């Protein structure tokens, strides 16, 4: 039996609430439907092997981010993300949390450095629409679970035809 995948479960609930997937469970059928629909959610940056990226997260320090996190993020994004996006050619990207958005900002430094995930802002990244929202979790943001912000932002993002 597979271990629970909290992110997959949250995304399944969000996309079901937005009436974007029919799969009744967050299983392989959901993943196939997810990919067939062209969804691309960015929540991590390839090449870092630990669960926590240095310099990011609730207990991170500015020094850790500046000295270890940002150089590592820049190298990982340049090595993997740029090529992956070119290969997949998604029309829309949903950046789940600060780390994912910082990765996209490395690809285009014109993206707003002051943006906050709880605001659910949308941007252009070349031909792609980007939503910057919260990583869907139970962590409280301004008194609400982050997953509620994510659900609301993704619903609006997917309901718009063109950005």
C-alpha atoms as a PDB file:
ATOM      1  CA  UNK A   1       0.000   0.000   0.000  1.00  0.00           C
ATOM      2  CA  UNK A   2       1.262   3.461  -0.907  1.00  0.00           C
ATOM      3  CA  UNK A   3       1.996   6.022   1.755  1.00  0.00           C
ATOM      4  CA  UNK A   4      -0.462   8.930   1.842  1.00  0.00           C
ATOM      5  CA  UNK A   5       0.421  11.787  -0.489  1.00  0.00           C
ATOM      6  CA  UNK A   6      -0.953  14.909   1.187  1.00  0.00           C
ATOM      7  CA  UNK A   7      -0.169  17.188  -1.751  1.00  0.00           C
ATOM      8  CA  UNK A   8      -1.923  14.889  -4.231  1.00  0.00           C
ATOM      9  CA  UNK A   9      -4.951  14.668  -1.933  1.00  0.00           C
ATOM     10  CA  UNK A  10      -5.121  18.456  -1.549  1.00  0.00           C
ATOM     11  CA  UNK A  11      -4.786  19.041  -5.316  1.00  0.00           C
ATOM     12  CA  UNK A  12      -7.444  16.422  -6.001  1.00  0.00           C
ATOM     13  CA  UNK A  13      -9.854  18.156  -3.600  1.00  0.00           C
ATOM     14  CA  UNK A  14      -9.091  21.577  -5.081  1.00  0.00           C
ATOM     15  CA  UNK A  15      -9.570  20.425  -8.678  1.00  0.00           C
ATOM     16  CA  UNK A  16     -12.756  18.487  -7.807  1.00  0.00           C
ATOM     17  CA  UNK A  17     -14.169  21.600  -6.089  1.00  0.00           C
ATOM     18  CA  UNK A  18     -13.315  23.632  -9.217  1.00  0.00           C
ATOM     19  CA  UNK A  19     -15.030  20.924 -11.329  1.00  0.00           C
ATOM     20  CA  UNK A  20     -11.816  20.311 -13.284  1.00  0.00           C
ATOM     21  CA  UNK A  21     -11.376  16.565 -12.686  1.00  0.00           C
ATOM     22  CA  UNK A  22     -13.830  13.684 -12.427  1.00  0.00           C
ATOM     23  CA  UNK A  23     -11.639  11.083 -10.722  1.00  0.00           C
ATOM     24  CA  UNK A  24     -13.350  10.163  -7.431  1.00  0.00           C
ATOM     25  CA  UNK A  25     -10.061   9.474  -5.622  1.00  0.00           C
ATOM     26  CA  UNK A  26      -6.518  10.909  -5.752  1.00  0.00           C
ATOM     27  CA  UNK A  27      -5.178   7.705  -7.308  1.00  0.00           C
ATOM     28  CA  UNK A  28      -3.440   6.809 -10.583  1.00  0.00           C
ATOM     29  CA  UNK A  29      -6.634   7.652 -12.490  1.00  0.00           C
ATOM     30  CA  UNK A  30      -6.516  11.160 -11.040  1.00  0.00           C
ATOM     31  CA  UNK A  31      -2.859  11.541 -12.002  1.00  0.00           C
ATOM     32  CA  UNK A  32      -3.587  10.482 -15.580  1.00  0.00           C
ATOM     33  CA  UNK A  33      -6.529  12.883 -15.802  1.00  0.00           C
ATOM     34  CA  UNK A  34      -4.394  15.610 -14.192  1.00  0.00           C
ATOM     35  CA  UNK A  35      -1.674  15.223 -16.816  1.00  0.00           C
ATOM     36  CA  UNK A  36      -4.093  14.773 -19.734  1.00  0.00           C
ATOM     37  CA  UNK A  37      -5.746  18.080 -18.767  1.00  0.00           C
ATOM     38  CA  UNK A  38      -2.354  19.792 -19.045  1.00  0.00           C
ATOM     39  CA  UNK A  39      -2.074  20.810 -15.405  1.00  0.00           C
ATOM     40  CA  UNK A  40       1.356  21.772 -14.169  1.00  0.00           C
ATOM     41  CA  UNK A  41       1.793  22.573 -10.494  1.00  0.00           C
ATOM     42  CA  UNK A  42       5.232  23.586  -9.353  1.00  0.00           C
ATOM     43  CA  UNK A  43       5.905  22.901  -5.685  1.00  0.00           C
ATOM     44  CA  UNK A  44       9.504  21.799  -5.550  1.00  0.00           C
ATOM     45  CA  UNK A  45      12.714  22.323  -7.440  1.00  0.00           C
ATOM     46  CA  UNK A  46      14.523  19.259  -8.732  1.00  0.00           C
ATOM     47  CA  UNK A  47      18.023  18.302  -7.631  1.00  0.00           C
ATOM     48  CA  UNK A  48      17.837  18.889  -3.897  1.00  0.00           C
ATOM     49  CA  UNK A  49      17.615  15.550  -2.117  1.00  0.00           C
ATOM     50  CA  UNK A  50      16.430  16.629   1.335  1.00  0.00           C
ATOM     51  CA  UNK A  51      12.851  17.382   2.337  1.00  0.00           C
ATOM     52  CA  UNK A  52      13.735  20.951   3.330  1.00  0.00           C
ATOM     53  CA  UNK A  53      15.454  23.307   0.919  1.00  0.00           C
ATOM     54  CA  UNK A  54      18.137  25.327   2.771  1.00  0.00           C
ATOM     55  CA  UNK A  55      17.119  28.891   3.495  1.00  0.00           C
ATOM     56  CA  UNK A  56      13.387  28.388   2.868  1.00  0.00           C
ATOM     57  CA  UNK A  57      10.568  27.590   5.251  1.00  0.00           C
ATOM     58  CA  UNK A  58       9.316  28.842   8.584  1.00  0.00           C
ATOM     59  CA  UNK A  59      12.574  28.521  10.528  1.00  0.00           C
ATOM     60  CA  UNK A  60      14.936  29.577   7.745  1.00  0.00           C
ATOM     61  CA  UNK A  61      17.379  32.411   8.259  1.00  0.00           C
ATOM     62  CA  UNK A  62      18.325  35.104   5.764  1.00  0.00           C
ATOM     63  CA  UNK A  63      21.959  33.998   5.995  1.00  0.00           C
ATOM     64  CA  UNK A  64      21.083  30.384   5.141  1.00  0.00           C
ATOM     65  CA  UNK A  65      19.043  31.554   2.163  1.00  0.00           C
ATOM     66  CA  UNK A  66      21.701  33.945   0.880  1.00  0.00           C
ATOM     67  CA  UNK A  67      24.680  31.625   1.448  1.00  0.00           C
ATOM     68  CA  UNK A  68      23.233  28.201   0.562  1.00  0.00           C
ATOM     69  CA  UNK A  69      19.624  28.331  -0.585  1.00  0.00           C
ATOM     70  CA  UNK A  70      19.713  30.907  -3.355  1.00  0.00           C
ATOM     71  CA  UNK A  71      22.878  29.615  -5.091  1.00  0.00           C
ATOM     72  CA  UNK A  72      21.539  26.049  -4.930  1.00  0.00           C
ATOM     73  CA  UNK A  73      18.109  27.117  -6.174  1.00  0.00           C
ATOM     74  CA  UNK A  74      19.656  29.052  -9.064  1.00  0.00           C
ATOM     75  CA  UNK A  75      21.758  26.051 -10.109  1.00  0.00           C
ATOM     76  CA  UNK A  76      18.829  23.629  -9.865  1.00  0.00           C
ATOM     77  CA  UNK A  77      16.459  25.878 -11.804  1.00  0.00           C
ATOM     78  CA  UNK A  78      18.981  26.481 -14.570  1.00  0.00           C
ATOM     79  CA  UNK A  79      19.786  22.759 -14.753  1.00  0.00           C
ATOM     80  CA  UNK A  80      16.251  21.363 -14.708  1.00  0.00           C
ATOM     81  CA  UNK A  81      13.249  23.683 -14.593  1.00  0.00           C
ATOM     82  CA  UNK A  82      13.868  25.784 -17.685  1.00  0.00           C
ATOM     83  CA  UNK A  83      14.316  22.683 -19.857  1.00  0.00           C
ATOM     84  CA  UNK A  84      11.355  20.909 -18.270  1.00  0.00           C
ATOM     85  CA  UNK A  85       9.005  23.822 -18.958  1.00  0.00           C
ATOM     86  CA  UNK A  86      10.214  24.045 -22.556  1.00  0.00           C
ATOM     87  CA  UNK A  87       9.569  20.317 -23.015  1.00  0.00           C
ATOM     88  CA  UNK A  88       6.133  20.269 -21.386  1.00  0.00           C
ATOM     89  CA  UNK A  89       4.989  23.611 -22.842  1.00  0.00           C
ATOM     90  CA  UNK A  90       2.304  24.243 -20.203  1.00  0.00           C
ATOM     91  CA  UNK A  91      -0.031  27.156 -20.890  1.00  0.00           C
ATOM     92  CA  UNK A  92      -0.552  27.731 -17.177  1.00  0.00           C
ATOM     93  CA  UNK A  93       1.709  27.180 -14.207  1.00  0.00           C
ATOM     94  CA  UNK A  94       0.593  27.222 -10.623  1.00  0.00           C
ATOM     95  CA  UNK A  95       3.492  28.012  -8.279  1.00  0.00           C
ATOM     96  CA  UNK A  96       2.628  26.465  -4.909  1.00  0.00           C
ATOM     97  CA  UNK A  97       4.526  28.427  -2.284  1.00  0.00           C
ATOM     98  CA  UNK A  98       7.545  30.646  -2.032  1.00  0.00           C
ATOM     99  CA  UNK A  99      10.221  28.189  -3.166  1.00  0.00           C
ATOM    100  CA  UNK A 100       8.408  27.426  -6.430  1.00  0.00           C
ATOM    101  CA  UNK A 101       7.791  31.111  -7.125  1.00  0.00           C
ATOM    102  CA  UNK A 102      11.422  31.998  -6.369  1.00  0.00           C
ATOM    103  CA  UNK A 103      12.406  29.344  -8.901  1.00  0.00           C
ATOM    104  CA  UNK A 104      10.242  30.995 -11.546  1.00  0.00           C
ATOM    105  CA  UNK A 105      11.696  34.398 -10.631  1.00  0.00           C
ATOM    106  CA  UNK A 106      15.120  33.012 -11.535  1.00  0.00           C
ATOM    107  CA  UNK A 107      13.766  32.354 -15.030  1.00  0.00           C
ATOM    108  CA  UNK A 108      12.264  35.851 -15.240  1.00  0.00           C
ATOM    109  CA  UNK A 109      13.454  38.407 -12.706  1.00  0.00           C
ATOM    110  CA  UNK A 110      10.687  40.786 -13.817  1.00  0.00           C
ATOM    111  CA  UNK A 111       8.199  38.706 -11.787  1.00  0.00           C
ATOM    112  CA  UNK A 112       7.129  40.720  -8.743  1.00  0.00           C
ATOM    113  CA  UNK A 113       9.591  40.161  -5.867  1.00  0.00           C
ATOM    114  CA  UNK A 114       7.077  41.551  -3.364  1.00  0.00           C
ATOM    115  CA  UNK A 115       4.247  39.153  -4.309  1.00  0.00           C
ATOM    116  CA  UNK A 116       2.764  37.062  -1.471  1.00  0.00           C
ATOM    117  CA  UNK A 117       1.255  33.600  -2.000  1.00  0.00           C
ATOM    118  CA  UNK A 118      -1.853  34.446   0.019  1.00  0.00           C
ATOM    119  CA  UNK A 119      -2.709  37.187  -2.509  1.00  0.00           C
ATOM    120  CA  UNK A 120      -3.091  34.738  -5.417  1.00  0.00           C
ATOM    121  CA  UNK A 121      -1.554  37.019  -8.041  1.00  0.00           C
ATOM    122  CA  UNK A 122      -1.221  36.054 -11.686  1.00  0.00           C
ATOM    123  CA  UNK A 123       1.692  36.928 -13.957  1.00  0.00           C
ATOM    124  CA  UNK A 124       3.053  36.228 -17.424  1.00  0.00           C
ATOM    125  CA  UNK A 125       6.142  34.082 -17.889  1.00  0.00           C
ATOM    126  CA  UNK A 126       6.708  34.338 -21.621  1.00  0.00           C
ATOM    127  CA  UNK A 127       3.670  32.684 -23.265  1.00  0.00           C
ATOM    128  CA  UNK A 128       2.545  31.137 -19.957  1.00  0.00           C
ATOM    129  CA  UNK A 129       0.160  32.357 -17.282  1.00  0.00           C
ATOM    130  CA  UNK A 130       1.489  31.899 -13.747  1.00  0.00           C
ATOM    131  CA  UNK A 131      -0.502  31.794 -10.535  1.00  0.00           C
ATOM    132  CA  UNK A 132       1.426  32.335  -7.315  1.00  0.00           C
ATOM    133  CA  UNK A 133      -0.497  30.854  -4.410  1.00  0.00           C
ATOM    134  CA  UNK A 134       0.004  29.052  -1.113  1.00  0.00           C
ATOM    135  CA  UNK A 135       1.328  25.540  -0.787  1.00  0.00           C
ATOM    136  CA  UNK A 136      -1.892  23.698   0.143  1.00  0.00           C
ATOM    137  CA  UNK A 137      -1.587  22.760   3.782  1.00  0.00           C
ATOM    138  CA  UNK A 138      -3.338  23.216   7.079  1.00  0.00           C
ATOM    139  CA  UNK A 139      -0.857  25.902   8.139  1.00  0.00           C
ATOM    140  CA  UNK A 140      -2.696  29.065   9.095  1.00  0.00           C
ATOM    141  CA  UNK A 141      -2.211  32.177   6.988  1.00  0.00           C
ATOM    142  CA  UNK A 142      -4.036  35.228   8.342  1.00  0.00           C
ATOM    143  CA  UNK A 143      -6.259  32.871  10.346  1.00  0.00           C
ATOM    144  CA  UNK A 144      -7.204  30.548   7.448  1.00  0.00           C
ATOM    145  CA  UNK A 145      -5.685  27.235   6.366  1.00  0.00           C
ATOM    146  CA  UNK A 146      -3.338  27.802   3.426  1.00  0.00           C
ATOM    147  CA  UNK A 147      -5.253  25.156   1.432  1.00  0.00           C
ATOM    148  CA  UNK A 148      -8.337  27.418   1.445  1.00  0.00           C
ATOM    149  CA  UNK A 149      -6.366  30.212  -0.224  1.00  0.00           C
ATOM    150  CA  UNK A 150      -5.018  27.698  -2.739  1.00  0.00           C
ATOM    151  CA  UNK A 151      -8.505  26.339  -3.524  1.00  0.00           C
ATOM    152  CA  UNK A 152      -9.942  29.833  -4.046  1.00  0.00           C
ATOM    153  CA  UNK A 153      -7.026  31.079  -6.150  1.00  0.00           C
ATOM    154  CA  UNK A 154      -6.864  27.963  -8.357  1.00  0.00           C
ATOM    155  CA  UNK A 155     -10.630  28.103  -8.962  1.00  0.00           C
ATOM    156  CA  UNK A 156     -10.383  31.683 -10.225  1.00  0.00           C
ATOM    157  CA  UNK A 157      -7.194  30.969 -12.196  1.00  0.00           C
ATOM    158  CA  UNK A 158      -8.722  28.017 -14.050  1.00  0.00           C
ATOM    159  CA  UNK A 159     -12.006  29.822 -14.729  1.00  0.00           C
ATOM    160  CA  UNK A 160     -10.318  32.535 -16.787  1.00  0.00           C
ATOM    161  CA  UNK A 161      -9.909  31.796 -20.469  1.00  0.00           C
ATOM    162  CA  UNK A 162      -6.910  34.018 -21.284  1.00  0.00           C
ATOM    163  CA  UNK A 163      -4.374  36.034 -19.302  1.00  0.00           C
END
